[in-house]
Amino acid sequence: MSLKLNPNYFKALRARARIYVGLGLLESAIEDFKASIQHSALNVKDSEELRAELEKTEHIAFKERSQVKDYYKILGPAKLSLIDSHTEPLWLC
């Protein structure tokens, strides 16, 4: 609600960024952290904390993007089932 009233309110942007981090929406969190840093220019202490959180979030996002996912392990291999010896094998999920 406060972001609807004042979209430049850095504390609300920071809170939403932290929520995004908790939900695993790291790209959205990075955008909000950057926006909150821009709008907290007068408050040095908060800016430093925001920069630290931004760096940590960017590091986590980089690690997630760089990991190769093995979808065979995630989804499991398709199972081959022979219903009849005269039919072709069916791939089941």
PDB file of N, CA and C in Angstrom:
ATOM      1  N   MET A   1       0.823  -1.186   0.000  1.00  0.00           N
ATOM      2  CA  MET A   1       0.000   0.000   0.000  1.00  0.00           C
ATOM      3  C   MET A   1       0.873   1.258   0.000  1.00  0.00           C
ATOM      4  N   SER A   2       1.935   1.252   0.778  1.00  0.00           N
ATOM      5  CA  SER A   2       2.764   2.457   0.846  1.00  0.00           C
ATOM      6  C   SER A   2       3.490   2.722  -0.465  1.00  0.00           C
ATOM      7  N   LEU A   3       3.793   1.671  -1.231  1.00  0.00           N
ATOM      8  CA  LEU A   3       4.444   1.887  -2.526  1.00  0.00           C
ATOM      9  C   LEU A   3       3.475   2.466  -3.542  1.00  0.00           C
ATOM     10  N   LYS A   4       2.188   2.228  -3.354  1.00  0.00           N
ATOM     11  CA  LYS A   4       1.197   2.860  -4.235  1.00  0.00           C
ATOM     12  C   LYS A   4       1.106   4.350  -3.939  1.00  0.00           C
ATOM     13  N   LEU A   5       1.231   4.701  -2.666  1.00  0.00           N
ATOM     14  CA  LEU A   5       1.163   6.111  -2.287  1.00  0.00           C
ATOM     15  C   LEU A   5       2.456   6.838  -2.616  1.00  0.00           C
ATOM     16  N   ASN A   6       3.583   6.179  -2.366  1.00  0.00           N
ATOM     17  CA  ASN A   6       4.886   6.794  -2.621  1.00  0.00           C
ATOM     18  C   ASN A   6       5.827   5.721  -3.176  1.00  0.00           C
ATOM     19  N   PRO A   7       5.924   5.606  -4.511  1.00  0.00           N
ATOM     20  CA  PRO A   7       6.752   4.557  -5.098  1.00  0.00           C
ATOM     21  C   PRO A   7       8.251   4.723  -4.853  1.00  0.00           C
ATOM     22  N   ASN A   8       8.672   5.847  -4.298  1.00  0.00           N
ATOM     23  CA  ASN A   8      10.082   6.104  -4.026  1.00  0.00           C
ATOM     24  C   ASN A   8      10.448   5.892  -2.554  1.00  0.00           C
ATOM     25  N   TYR A   9       9.549   5.343  -1.769  1.00  0.00           N
ATOM     26  CA  TYR A   9       9.793   5.140  -0.344  1.00  0.00           C
ATOM     27  C   TYR A   9      10.756   3.970  -0.174  1.00  0.00           C
ATOM     28  N   PHE A  10      11.999   4.281   0.184  1.00  0.00           N
ATOM     29  CA  PHE A  10      13.044   3.261   0.162  1.00  0.00           C
ATOM     30  C   PHE A  10      12.828   2.166   1.195  1.00  0.00           C
ATOM     31  N   LYS A  11      12.194   2.466   2.311  1.00  0.00           N
ATOM     32  CA  LYS A  11      11.983   1.426   3.322  1.00  0.00           C
ATOM     33  C   LYS A  11      10.990   0.374   2.826  1.00  0.00           C
ATOM     34  N   ALA A  12       9.979   0.802   2.091  1.00  0.00           N
ATOM     35  CA  ALA A  12       9.023  -0.153   1.525  1.00  0.00           C
ATOM     36  C   ALA A  12       9.674  -0.963   0.411  1.00  0.00           C
ATOM     37  N   LEU A  13      10.510  -0.314  -0.388  1.00  0.00           N
ATOM     38  CA  LEU A  13      11.237  -1.032  -1.433  1.00  0.00           C
ATOM     39  C   LEU A  13      12.174  -2.069  -0.823  1.00  0.00           C
ATOM     40  N   ARG A  14      12.837  -1.690   0.258  1.00  0.00           N
ATOM     41  CA  ARG A  14      13.739  -2.617   0.948  1.00  0.00           C
ATOM     42  C   ARG A  14      12.969  -3.808   1.512  1.00  0.00           C
ATOM     43  N   ALA A  15      11.807  -3.531   2.102  1.00  0.00           N
ATOM     44  CA  ALA A  15      10.999  -4.610   2.669  1.00  0.00           C
ATOM     45  C   ALA A  15      10.533  -5.571   1.577  1.00  0.00           C
ATOM     46  N   ARG A  16      10.088  -5.014   0.441  1.00  0.00           N
ATOM     47  CA  ARG A  16       9.647  -5.874  -0.651  1.00  0.00           C
ATOM     48  C   ARG A  16      10.818  -6.675  -1.224  1.00  0.00           C
ATOM     49  N   ALA A  17      12.001  -6.059  -1.301  1.00  0.00           N
ATOM     50  CA  ALA A  17      13.182  -6.772  -1.792  1.00  0.00           C
ATOM     51  C   ALA A  17      13.508  -7.943  -0.879  1.00  0.00           C
ATOM     52  N   ARG A  18      13.420  -7.742   0.410  1.00  0.00           N
ATOM     53  CA  ARG A  18      13.696  -8.825   1.362  1.00  0.00           C
ATOM     54  C   ARG A  18      12.668  -9.951   1.221  1.00  0.00           C
ATOM     55  N   ILE A  19      11.423  -9.581   0.974  1.00  0.00           N
ATOM     56  CA  ILE A  19      10.385 -10.596   0.758  1.00  0.00           C
ATOM     57  C   ILE A  19      10.693 -11.393  -0.504  1.00  0.00           C
ATOM     58  N   TYR A  20      11.091 -10.681  -1.560  1.00  0.00           N
ATOM     59  CA  TYR A  20      11.453 -11.363  -2.807  1.00  0.00           C
ATOM     60  C   TYR A  20      12.607 -12.326  -2.585  1.00  0.00           C
ATOM     61  N   VAL A  21      13.582 -11.948  -1.790  1.00  0.00           N
ATOM     62  CA  VAL A  21      14.706 -12.848  -1.504  1.00  0.00           C
ATOM     63  C   VAL A  21      14.185 -14.101  -0.809  1.00  0.00           C
ATOM     64  N   GLY A  22      13.301 -13.917   0.158  1.00  0.00           N
ATOM     65  CA  GLY A  22      12.733 -15.057   0.870  1.00  0.00           C
ATOM     66  C   GLY A  22      11.943 -15.989  -0.033  1.00  0.00           C
ATOM     67  N   LEU A  23      11.311 -15.424  -1.057  1.00  0.00           N
ATOM     68  CA  LEU A  23      10.539 -16.224  -2.003  1.00  0.00           C
ATOM     69  C   LEU A  23      11.401 -16.814  -3.118  1.00  0.00           C
ATOM     70  N   GLY A  24      12.656 -16.404  -3.173  1.00  0.00           N
ATOM     71  CA  GLY A  24      13.544 -16.891  -4.218  1.00  0.00           C
ATOM     72  C   GLY A  24      13.455 -16.117  -5.521  1.00  0.00           C
ATOM     73  N   LEU A  25      12.797 -14.961  -5.508  1.00  0.00           N
ATOM     74  CA  LEU A  25      12.681 -14.108  -6.693  1.00  0.00           C
ATOM     75  C   LEU A  25      13.826 -13.106  -6.687  1.00  0.00           C
ATOM     76  N   LEU A  26      15.004 -13.612  -6.975  1.00  0.00           N
ATOM     77  CA  LEU A  26      16.225 -12.828  -6.782  1.00  0.00           C
ATOM     78  C   LEU A  26      16.354 -11.664  -7.750  1.00  0.00           C
ATOM     79  N   GLU A  27      15.931 -11.829  -8.993  1.00  0.00           N
ATOM     80  CA  GLU A  27      16.047 -10.731  -9.961  1.00  0.00           C
ATOM     81  C   GLU A  27      15.160  -9.552  -9.542  1.00  0.00           C
ATOM     82  N   SER A  28      13.955  -9.838  -9.077  1.00  0.00           N
ATOM     83  CA  SER A  28      13.065  -8.785  -8.598  1.00  0.00           C
ATOM     84  C   SER A  28      13.634  -8.123  -7.347  1.00  0.00           C
ATOM     85  N   ALA A  29      14.246  -8.930  -6.490  1.00  0.00           N
ATOM     86  CA  ALA A  29      14.853  -8.390  -5.275  1.00  0.00           C
ATOM     87  C   ALA A  29      16.001  -7.452  -5.621  1.00  0.00           C
ATOM     88  N   ILE A  30      16.812  -7.828  -6.599  1.00  0.00           N
ATOM     89  CA  ILE A  30      17.939  -6.984  -7.010  1.00  0.00           C
ATOM     90  C   ILE A  30      17.438  -5.647  -7.538  1.00  0.00           C
ATOM     91  N   GLU A  31      16.374  -5.678  -8.339  1.00  0.00           N
ATOM     92  CA  GLU A  31      15.799  -4.426  -8.860  1.00  0.00           C
ATOM     93  C   GLU A  31      15.329  -3.529  -7.719  1.00  0.00           C
ATOM     94  N   ASP A  32      14.636  -4.115  -6.741  1.00  0.00           N
ATOM     95  CA  ASP A  32      14.142  -3.314  -5.621  1.00  0.00           C
ATOM     96  C   ASP A  32      15.277  -2.799  -4.746  1.00  0.00           C
ATOM     97  N   PHE A  33      16.303  -3.609  -4.529  1.00  0.00           N
ATOM     98  CA  PHE A  33      17.445  -3.121  -3.751  1.00  0.00           C
ATOM     99  C   PHE A  33      18.106  -1.937  -4.453  1.00  0.00           C
ATOM    100  N   LYS A  34      18.278  -2.025  -5.765  1.00  0.00           N
ATOM    101  CA  LYS A  34      18.888  -0.917  -6.505  1.00  0.00           C
ATOM    102  C   LYS A  34      18.031   0.339  -6.421  1.00  0.00           C
ATOM    103  N   ALA A  35      16.723   0.181  -6.548  1.00  0.00           N
ATOM    104  CA  ALA A  35      15.821   1.332  -6.456  1.00  0.00           C
ATOM    105  C   ALA A  35      15.854   1.935  -5.057  1.00  0.00           C
ATOM    106  N   SER A  36      15.892   1.093  -4.038  1.00  0.00           N
ATOM    107  CA  SER A  36      15.913   1.611  -2.668  1.00  0.00           C
ATOM    108  C   SER A  36      17.225   2.330  -2.367  1.00  0.00           C
ATOM    109  N   ILE A  37      18.327   1.866  -2.960  1.00  0.00           N
ATOM    110  CA  ILE A  37      19.611   2.562  -2.778  1.00  0.00           C
ATOM    111  C   ILE A  37      19.553   3.950  -3.391  1.00  0.00           C
ATOM    112  N   GLN A  38      18.950   4.058  -4.554  1.00  0.00           N
ATOM    113  CA  GLN A  38      18.834   5.357  -5.214  1.00  0.00           C
ATOM    114  C   GLN A  38      18.014   6.334  -4.391  1.00  0.00           C
ATOM    115  N   HIS A  39      16.962   5.836  -3.731  1.00  0.00           N
ATOM    116  CA  HIS A  39      16.061   6.717  -2.999  1.00  0.00           C
ATOM    117  C   HIS A  39      16.463   6.917  -1.540  1.00  0.00           C
ATOM    118  N   SER A  40      17.530   6.248  -1.107  1.00  0.00           N
ATOM    119  CA  SER A  40      17.989   6.429   0.275  1.00  0.00           C
ATOM    120  C   SER A  40      19.306   7.190   0.315  1.00  0.00           C
ATOM    121  N   ALA A  41      19.548   8.007  -0.665  1.00  0.00           N
ATOM    122  CA  ALA A  41      20.840   8.691  -0.796  1.00  0.00           C
ATOM    123  C   ALA A  41      21.182   9.562   0.412  1.00  0.00           C
ATOM    124  N   LEU A  42      20.196  10.109   1.084  1.00  0.00           N
ATOM    125  CA  LEU A  42      20.461  10.990   2.217  1.00  0.00           C
ATOM    126  C   LEU A  42      20.810  10.217   3.493  1.00  0.00           C
ATOM    127  N   ASN A  43      20.405   8.986   3.566  1.00  0.00           N
ATOM    128  CA  ASN A  43      20.636   8.187   4.760  1.00  0.00           C
ATOM    129  C   ASN A  43      21.816   7.240   4.495  1.00  0.00           C
ATOM    130  N   VAL A  44      22.995   7.624   4.935  1.00  0.00           N
ATOM    131  CA  VAL A  44      24.228   6.897   4.631  1.00  0.00           C
ATOM    132  C   VAL A  44      24.232   5.499   5.245  1.00  0.00           C
ATOM    133  N   LYS A  45      23.801   5.375   6.486  1.00  0.00           N
ATOM    134  CA  LYS A  45      23.822   4.076   7.159  1.00  0.00           C
ATOM    135  C   LYS A  45      22.933   3.078   6.425  1.00  0.00           C
ATOM    136  N   ASP A  46      21.720   3.498   6.080  1.00  0.00           N
ATOM    137  CA  ASP A  46      20.821   2.597   5.361  1.00  0.00           C
ATOM    138  C   ASP A  46      21.364   2.262   3.973  1.00  0.00           C
ATOM    139  N   SER A  47      21.980   3.218   3.324  1.00  0.00           N
ATOM    140  CA  SER A  47      22.553   2.964   1.994  1.00  0.00           C
ATOM    141  C   SER A  47      23.632   1.895   2.053  1.00  0.00           C
ATOM    142  N   GLU A  48      24.461   1.945   3.073  1.00  0.00           N
ATOM    143  CA  GLU A  48      25.518   0.944   3.223  1.00  0.00           C
ATOM    144  C   GLU A  48      24.938  -0.444   3.471  1.00  0.00           C
ATOM    145  N   GLU A  49      23.910  -0.509   4.318  1.00  0.00           N
ATOM    146  CA  GLU A  49      23.266  -1.788   4.590  1.00  0.00           C
ATOM    147  C   GLU A  49      22.607  -2.342   3.325  1.00  0.00           C
ATOM    148  N   LEU A  50      21.967  -1.455   2.574  1.00  0.00           N
ATOM    149  CA  LEU A  50      21.316  -1.874   1.337  1.00  0.00           C
ATOM    150  C   LEU A  50      22.331  -2.384   0.317  1.00  0.00           C
ATOM    151  N   ARG A  51      23.463  -1.708   0.218  1.00  0.00           N
ATOM    152  CA  ARG A  51      24.506  -2.161  -0.712  1.00  0.00           C
ATOM    153  C   ARG A  51      25.021  -3.549  -0.323  1.00  0.00           C
ATOM    154  N   ALA A  52      25.164  -3.785   0.970  1.00  0.00           N
ATOM    155  CA  ALA A  52      25.623  -5.102   1.433  1.00  0.00           C
ATOM    156  C   ALA A  52      24.592  -6.178   1.099  1.00  0.00           C
ATOM    157  N   GLU A  53      23.312  -5.869   1.311  1.00  0.00           N
ATOM    158  CA  GLU A  53      22.261  -6.832   0.985  1.00  0.00           C
ATOM    159  C   GLU A  53      22.188  -7.064  -0.521  1.00  0.00           C
ATOM    160  N   LEU A  54      22.381  -6.006  -1.292  1.00  0.00           N
ATOM    161  CA  LEU A  54      22.376  -6.127  -2.747  1.00  0.00           C
ATOM    162  C   LEU A  54      23.512  -7.036  -3.212  1.00  0.00           C
ATOM    163  N   GLU A  55      24.698  -6.819  -2.694  1.00  0.00           N
ATOM    164  CA  GLU A  55      25.840  -7.649  -3.080  1.00  0.00           C
ATOM    165  C   GLU A  55      25.612  -9.116  -2.721  1.00  0.00           C
ATOM    166  N   LYS A  56      25.065  -9.352  -1.548  1.00  0.00           N
ATOM    167  CA  LYS A  56      24.792 -10.725  -1.124  1.00  0.00           C
ATOM    168  C   LYS A  56      23.760 -11.373  -2.049  1.00  0.00           C
ATOM    169  N   THR A  57      22.713 -10.642  -2.389  1.00  0.00           N
ATOM    170  CA  THR A  57      21.677 -11.170  -3.267  1.00  0.00           C
ATOM    171  C   THR A  57      22.210 -11.418  -4.672  1.00  0.00           C
ATOM    172  N   GLU A  58      23.033 -10.500  -5.175  1.00  0.00           N
ATOM    173  CA  GLU A  58      23.627 -10.688  -6.495  1.00  0.00           C
ATOM    174  C   GLU A  58      24.543 -11.917  -6.508  1.00  0.00           C
ATOM    175  N   HIS A  59      25.260 -12.134  -5.421  1.00  0.00           N
ATOM    176  CA  HIS A  59      26.140 -13.303  -5.319  1.00  0.00           C
ATOM    177  C   HIS A  59      25.318 -14.592  -5.355  1.00  0.00           C
ATOM    178  N   ILE A  60      24.229 -14.626  -4.614  1.00  0.00           N
ATOM    179  CA  ILE A  60      23.367 -15.810  -4.593  1.00  0.00           C
ATOM    180  C   ILE A  60      22.762 -16.047  -5.977  1.00  0.00           C
ATOM    181  N   ALA A  61      22.307 -14.973  -6.624  1.00  0.00           N
ATOM    182  CA  ALA A  61      21.718 -15.092  -7.962  1.00  0.00           C
ATOM    183  C   ALA A  61      22.744 -15.600  -8.959  1.00  0.00           C
ATOM    184  N   PHE A  62      23.981 -15.110  -8.856  1.00  0.00           N
ATOM    185  CA  PHE A  62      25.043 -15.569  -9.755  1.00  0.00           C
ATOM    186  C   PHE A  62      25.306 -17.053  -9.571  1.00  0.00           C
ATOM    187  N   LYS A  63      25.359 -17.502  -8.317  1.00  0.00           N
ATOM    188  CA  LYS A  63      25.603 -18.911  -8.045  1.00  0.00           C
ATOM    189  C   LYS A  63      24.484 -19.775  -8.603  1.00  0.00           C
ATOM    190  N   GLU A  64      23.235 -19.321  -8.470  1.00  0.00           N
ATOM    191  CA  GLU A  64      22.114 -20.102  -8.981  1.00  0.00           C
ATOM    192  C   GLU A  64      22.126 -20.156 -10.506  1.00  0.00           C
ATOM    193  N   ARG A  65      22.472 -19.052 -11.149  1.00  0.00           N
ATOM    194  CA  ARG A  65      22.509 -19.037 -12.610  1.00  0.00           C
ATOM    195  C   ARG A  65      23.645 -19.892 -13.154  1.00  0.00           C
ATOM    196  N   SER A  66      24.731 -19.997 -12.415  1.00  0.00           N
ATOM    197  CA  SER A  66      25.897 -20.718 -12.914  1.00  0.00           C
ATOM    198  C   SER A  66      25.817 -22.223 -12.679  1.00  0.00           C
ATOM    199  N   GLN A  67      24.894 -22.650 -11.853  1.00  0.00           N
ATOM    200  CA  GLN A  67      24.762 -24.078 -11.600  1.00  0.00           C
ATOM    201  C   GLN A  67      24.054 -24.741 -12.775  1.00  0.00           C
ATOM    202  N   VAL A  68      24.625 -25.837 -13.220  1.00  0.00           N
ATOM    203  CA  VAL A  68      24.006 -26.614 -14.279  1.00  0.00           C
ATOM    204  C   VAL A  68      23.019 -27.567 -13.628  1.00  0.00           C
ATOM    205  N   LYS A  69      21.793 -27.546 -14.112  1.00  0.00           N
ATOM    206  CA  LYS A  69      20.782 -28.413 -13.534  1.00  0.00           C
ATOM    207  C   LYS A  69      20.698 -29.710 -14.328  1.00  0.00           C
ATOM    208  N   ASP A  70      20.681 -30.793 -13.618  1.00  0.00           N
ATOM    209  CA  ASP A  70      20.547 -32.102 -14.225  1.00  0.00           C
ATOM    210  C   ASP A  70      19.067 -32.486 -14.157  1.00  0.00           C
ATOM    211  N   TYR A  71      18.357 -32.282 -15.244  1.00  0.00           N
ATOM    212  CA  TYR A  71      16.922 -32.528 -15.250  1.00  0.00           C
ATOM    213  C   TYR A  71      16.584 -34.021 -15.193  1.00  0.00           C
ATOM    214  N   TYR A  72      17.533 -34.881 -15.535  1.00  0.00           N
ATOM    215  CA  TYR A  72      17.284 -36.308 -15.362  1.00  0.00           C
ATOM    216  C   TYR A  72      17.173 -36.661 -13.887  1.00  0.00           C
ATOM    217  N   LYS A  73      17.971 -36.011 -13.060  1.00  0.00           N
ATOM    218  CA  LYS A  73      17.872 -36.247 -11.618  1.00  0.00           C
ATOM    219  C   LYS A  73      16.617 -35.600 -11.052  1.00  0.00           C
ATOM    220  N   ILE A  74      16.277 -34.426 -11.558  1.00  0.00           N
ATOM    221  CA  ILE A  74      15.123 -33.703 -11.037  1.00  0.00           C
ATOM    222  C   ILE A  74      13.819 -34.404 -11.412  1.00  0.00           C
ATOM    223  N   LEU A  75      13.670 -34.728 -12.684  1.00  0.00           N
ATOM    224  CA  LEU A  75      12.415 -35.295 -13.167  1.00  0.00           C
ATOM    225  C   LEU A  75      12.377 -36.817 -13.130  1.00  0.00           C
ATOM    226  N   GLY A  76      13.518 -37.441 -13.142  1.00  0.00           N
ATOM    227  CA  GLY A  76      13.588 -38.889 -13.190  1.00  0.00           C
ATOM    228  C   GLY A  76      13.534 -39.353 -14.633  1.00  0.00           C
ATOM    229  N   PRO A  77      14.215 -40.443 -14.930  1.00  0.00           N
ATOM    230  CA  PRO A  77      14.220 -40.924 -16.314  1.00  0.00           C
ATOM    231  C   PRO A  77      12.859 -41.484 -16.702  1.00  0.00           C
ATOM    232  N   ALA A  78      12.543 -41.357 -17.956  1.00  0.00           N
ATOM    233  CA  ALA A  78      11.288 -41.920 -18.448  1.00  0.00           C
ATOM    234  C   ALA A  78      11.360 -43.440 -18.332  1.00  0.00           C
ATOM    235  N   LYS A  79      10.270 -44.028 -17.978  1.00  0.00           N
ATOM    236  CA  LYS A  79      10.247 -45.472 -17.771  1.00  0.00           C
ATOM    237  C   LYS A  79       9.719 -46.161 -19.020  1.00  0.00           C
ATOM    238  N   LEU A  80      10.413 -47.155 -19.395  1.00  0.00           N
ATOM    239  CA  LEU A  80      10.049 -47.922 -20.575  1.00  0.00           C
ATOM    240  C   LEU A  80       9.146 -49.066 -20.147  1.00  0.00           C
ATOM    241  N   SER A  81       8.001 -49.158 -20.788  1.00  0.00           N
ATOM    242  CA  SER A  81       7.062 -50.203 -20.426  1.00  0.00           C
ATOM    243  C   SER A  81       6.633 -50.946 -21.687  1.00  0.00           C
ATOM    244  N   LEU A  82       6.751 -52.229 -21.644  1.00  0.00           N
ATOM    245  CA  LEU A  82       6.298 -53.064 -22.752  1.00  0.00           C
ATOM    246  C   LEU A  82       4.961 -53.681 -22.375  1.00  0.00           C
ATOM    247  N   ILE A  83       3.931 -53.262 -23.072  1.00  0.00           N
ATOM    248  CA  ILE A  83       2.612 -53.805 -22.774  1.00  0.00           C
ATOM    249  C   ILE A  83       2.447 -55.166 -23.446  1.00  0.00           C
ATOM    250  N   ASP A  84       2.877 -55.256 -24.662  1.00  0.00           N
ATOM    251  CA  ASP A  84       2.734 -56.485 -25.434  1.00  0.00           C
ATOM    252  C   ASP A  84       4.023 -56.673 -26.213  1.00  0.00           C
ATOM    253  N   SER A  85       4.442 -57.853 -26.366  1.00  0.00           N
ATOM    254  CA  SER A  85       5.695 -58.084 -27.091  1.00  0.00           C
ATOM    255  C   SER A  85       5.575 -57.716 -28.566  1.00  0.00           C
ATOM    256  N   HIS A  86       4.355 -57.579 -29.070  1.00  0.00           N
ATOM    257  CA  HIS A  86       4.147 -57.254 -30.465  1.00  0.00           C
ATOM    258  C   HIS A  86       3.969 -55.749 -30.691  1.00  0.00           C
ATOM    259  N   THR A  87       3.961 -54.987 -29.645  1.00  0.00           N
ATOM    260  CA  THR A  87       3.761 -53.538 -29.794  1.00  0.00           C
ATOM    261  C   THR A  87       5.071 -52.816 -29.527  1.00  0.00           C
ATOM    262  N   GLU A  88       5.092 -51.575 -29.933  1.00  0.00           N
ATOM    263  CA  GLU A  88       6.267 -50.753 -29.666  1.00  0.00           C
ATOM    264  C   GLU A  88       6.250 -50.332 -28.197  1.00  0.00           C
ATOM    265  N   PRO A  89       7.403 -50.059 -27.632  1.00  0.00           N
ATOM    266  CA  PRO A  89       7.448 -49.621 -26.229  1.00  0.00           C
ATOM    267  C   PRO A  89       6.777 -48.260 -26.066  1.00  0.00           C
ATOM    268  N   LEU A  90       6.134 -48.082 -24.939  1.00  0.00           N
ATOM    269  CA  LEU A  90       5.481 -46.822 -24.611  1.00  0.00           C
ATOM    270  C   LEU A  90       6.323 -46.073 -23.590  1.00  0.00           C
ATOM    271  N   TRP A  91       6.510 -44.818 -23.817  1.00  0.00           N
ATOM    272  CA  TRP A  91       7.242 -43.977 -22.855  1.00  0.00           C
ATOM    273  C   TRP A  91       6.231 -43.395 -21.894  1.00  0.00           C
ATOM    274  N   LEU A  92       6.417 -43.678 -20.653  1.00  0.00           N
ATOM    275  CA  LEU A  92       5.509 -43.174 -19.638  1.00  0.00           C
ATOM    276  C   LEU A  92       6.212 -42.141 -18.790  1.00  0.00           C
ATOM    277  N   CYS A  93       5.482 -41.188 -18.331  1.00  0.00           N
ATOM    278  CA  CYS A  93       6.048 -40.159 -17.457  1.00  0.00           C
ATOM    279  C   CYS A  93       5.878 -40.542 -16.018  1.00  0.00           C
TER     280      CYS A  93
END
